[in-house]
């Protein structure tokens, strides 16, 4: 029996291929990876031998098993989501991410024109994406592709934020459909960035668009 979602998957893959080309036109080193396993191979190939890698808060990166793959490849990994770390260890990991050779994360949304849109609470993820590590790598599933920046913000405020804060057991009004303006949570959305081209301080900014649904 054929997969009832096969045409939806086909469409997502075509969108991902076109998005990767748009990102190239924006100046990013962009790849289309047809599968998660292919995306892992691309990422590992872009991390220099012996490089330290900081990992931002990302469900996508963990779904792909990249922290484990990087450690197995001999890299020093700074991952503040590591459950073996205490509070001090998590803080040290966040700080170290800004000084790592490579920073790896995902993006909340990517536009069809080739711009990355992100909203952070603490700001450590977006800070390292745009400054500090000389190489940034972003991995994005086709489910995060949107028409433009207004649609990216709508996706983040009305889908990404409520789902993610639910995962974190944080009490935010967006989870019950209230407007962001009523939110007083000090750990919720605080910093918004639009990356429309690689920042000039980066040696390389890699974006891998995957032909799969990944993350939120």
Foldseek 3Di string as FASTA:
>chain_A
DDDPCVVVLVVLLVLLVLLQVLQVVLAAAEAEAAALVSVLVVVVVPADQAFAEEEDDAQQCVVSVNVVVCVVSPHHYLYLVPPVDDPVSSVVSLVCNLATQEYEYAALAAESNNKGKHWFLVCSNVCSLQHRHQEYEYEEESVRYDHDDVVSVCCCQQPVQLVVCVVVVHDFPSVVPDDNVVGPDNRGTDDMDMGSHHHPSHPHYYYYYYSHDGGD
